[in-house]
C-alpha cells in the first residue's frame, strides 16, 4: 500500500507532498514528520527509496508507506500526556514520531 503521493527528493519534499494530498492535516503531525528523517531508517544503498510513498521491506526490516503512518497518527488525535503502545514496532520510526508529540511520560 502506498504510492498515493509523488516521490520527493528529500524528507521535506515527501512531507510537502503528504500535506498537499491531505494525509498530514495537523501541525503536530507535520512537525513530527519533519523532525525525523525517514532516510535515517534505511540501510545504506537503499536510501533512494526513502522519500517515496511506498512500504519497504529488507530482511526483517519493514517500514510502512508514509501515507499509512500519517493516517494512523492523524486518526489517533495524539496530544501531550497520552500514552501509546506500538506492538511490533519494527524500526521505531512510527514510535519515535508519536513520542515527539506525546512528550515525556
Protein backbone atom coordinates (compact mmCIF):
# COMPACT_ATOMS: atom_id res chain seq x y z
CA UNK A 1 0.00 0.00 0.00
CA UNK A 2 1.19 3.50 -0.61
CA UNK A 3 2.17 5.38 -3.69
CA UNK A 4 -0.59 7.87 -3.02
CA UNK A 5 1.69 10.88 -3.36
CA UNK A 6 4.60 11.86 -5.58
CA UNK A 7 8.12 10.88 -4.59
CA UNK A 8 10.27 13.59 -3.13
CA UNK A 9 13.97 14.35 -3.35
CA UNK A 10 14.28 14.56 0.44
CA UNK A 11 12.26 14.33 3.64
CA UNK A 12 10.82 17.84 3.29
CA UNK A 13 9.60 17.11 -0.25
CA UNK A 14 7.90 13.93 0.95
CA UNK A 15 6.13 15.80 3.75
CA UNK A 16 5.11 18.64 1.44
CA UNK A 17 3.54 16.02 -0.86
CA UNK A 18 1.76 14.31 2.05
CA UNK A 19 0.36 17.68 3.13
CA UNK A 20 -0.76 18.56 -0.39
CA UNK A 21 -2.61 15.23 -0.62
CA UNK A 22 -4.11 15.95 2.84
CA UNK A 23 -2.60 12.91 4.54
CA UNK A 24 -0.94 15.28 7.01
CA UNK A 25 -3.55 17.68 8.33
CA UNK A 26 -2.31 18.89 11.72
CA UNK A 27 0.75 20.89 12.69
CA UNK A 28 1.83 18.40 15.36
CA UNK A 29 1.94 15.51 12.89
CA UNK A 30 3.76 17.68 10.35
CA UNK A 31 6.36 18.72 12.92
CA UNK A 32 6.97 15.11 13.95
CA UNK A 33 7.45 14.01 10.34
CA UNK A 34 9.84 16.91 9.68
CA UNK A 35 11.88 16.19 12.83
CA UNK A 36 12.60 12.57 11.88
CA UNK A 37 14.23 11.93 8.51
CA UNK A 38 12.80 8.75 7.01
CA UNK A 39 16.11 8.17 5.21
CA UNK A 40 17.80 7.54 8.57
CA UNK A 41 15.79 4.31 8.87
CA UNK A 42 17.07 2.87 5.58
CA UNK A 43 20.17 0.80 5.02
CA UNK A 44 22.98 2.37 3.01
CA UNK A 45 22.39 1.70 -0.66
CA UNK A 46 18.60 1.75 -0.31
CA UNK A 47 18.05 5.38 0.68
CA UNK A 48 16.95 6.35 -2.83
CA UNK A 49 13.62 4.74 -1.86
CA UNK A 50 13.29 6.58 1.44
CA UNK A 51 11.26 9.51 0.13
CA UNK A 52 8.78 7.52 -1.92
CA UNK A 53 5.31 6.92 -0.52
CA UNK A 54 5.86 3.17 -0.53
CA UNK A 55 6.33 0.44 2.04
CA UNK A 56 9.85 -1.01 2.19
CA UNK A 57 10.98 -4.42 3.40
CA UNK A 58 14.51 -5.79 3.52
CA UNK A 59 15.01 -8.95 5.54
CA UNK A 60 13.43 -8.31 8.92
CA UNK A 61 13.36 -4.53 8.42
CA UNK A 62 9.97 -3.13 7.43
CA UNK A 63 8.65 0.40 7.04
CA UNK A 64 5.05 1.05 6.05
CA UNK A 65 4.26 3.73 3.48
CA UNK A 66 4.40 7.29 4.86
CA UNK A 67 0.73 7.86 3.94
CA UNK A 68 -0.19 4.96 6.24
CA UNK A 69 1.82 6.37 9.16
CA UNK A 70 0.34 9.83 8.67
CA UNK A 71 -3.22 8.47 8.53
CA UNK A 72 -2.64 6.50 11.74
CA UNK A 73 -1.16 9.49 13.54
CA UNK A 74 -3.96 11.80 12.44
CA UNK A 75 -6.66 9.27 13.39
CA UNK A 76 -5.23 8.81 16.90
CA UNK A 77 -5.61 12.54 17.65
CA UNK A 78 -2.34 12.48 19.56
CA UNK A 79 -1.63 15.07 22.24
CA UNK A 80 0.89 15.52 25.03
CA UNK A 81 0.28 13.36 28.07
CA UNK A 82 -1.36 10.42 26.30
CA UNK A 83 0.30 7.01 26.24
CA UNK A 84 0.99 4.86 23.19
CA UNK A 85 1.84 1.19 22.70
CA UNK A 86 3.02 0.08 19.28
CA UNK A 87 3.11 -3.72 19.11
CA UNK A 88 5.58 -4.93 16.52
CA UNK A 89 7.24 -1.54 16.36
CA UNK A 90 9.83 -2.64 13.80
CA UNK A 91 12.34 0.13 13.17
CA UNK A 92 10.84 2.50 15.72
CA UNK A 93 10.12 5.17 13.08
CA UNK A 94 6.42 5.50 13.94
CA UNK A 95 7.02 5.21 17.69
CA UNK A 96 9.66 7.94 17.55
CA UNK A 97 7.35 10.35 15.72
CA UNK A 98 4.47 9.60 18.09
CA UNK A 99 6.79 10.08 21.07
CA UNK A 100 7.70 13.56 19.87
CA UNK A 101 4.04 14.54 20.00
CA UNK A 102 3.24 12.84 23.32
CA UNK A 103 6.29 14.17 25.16
CA UNK A 104 7.76 12.81 28.37
CA UNK A 105 5.77 10.24 30.30
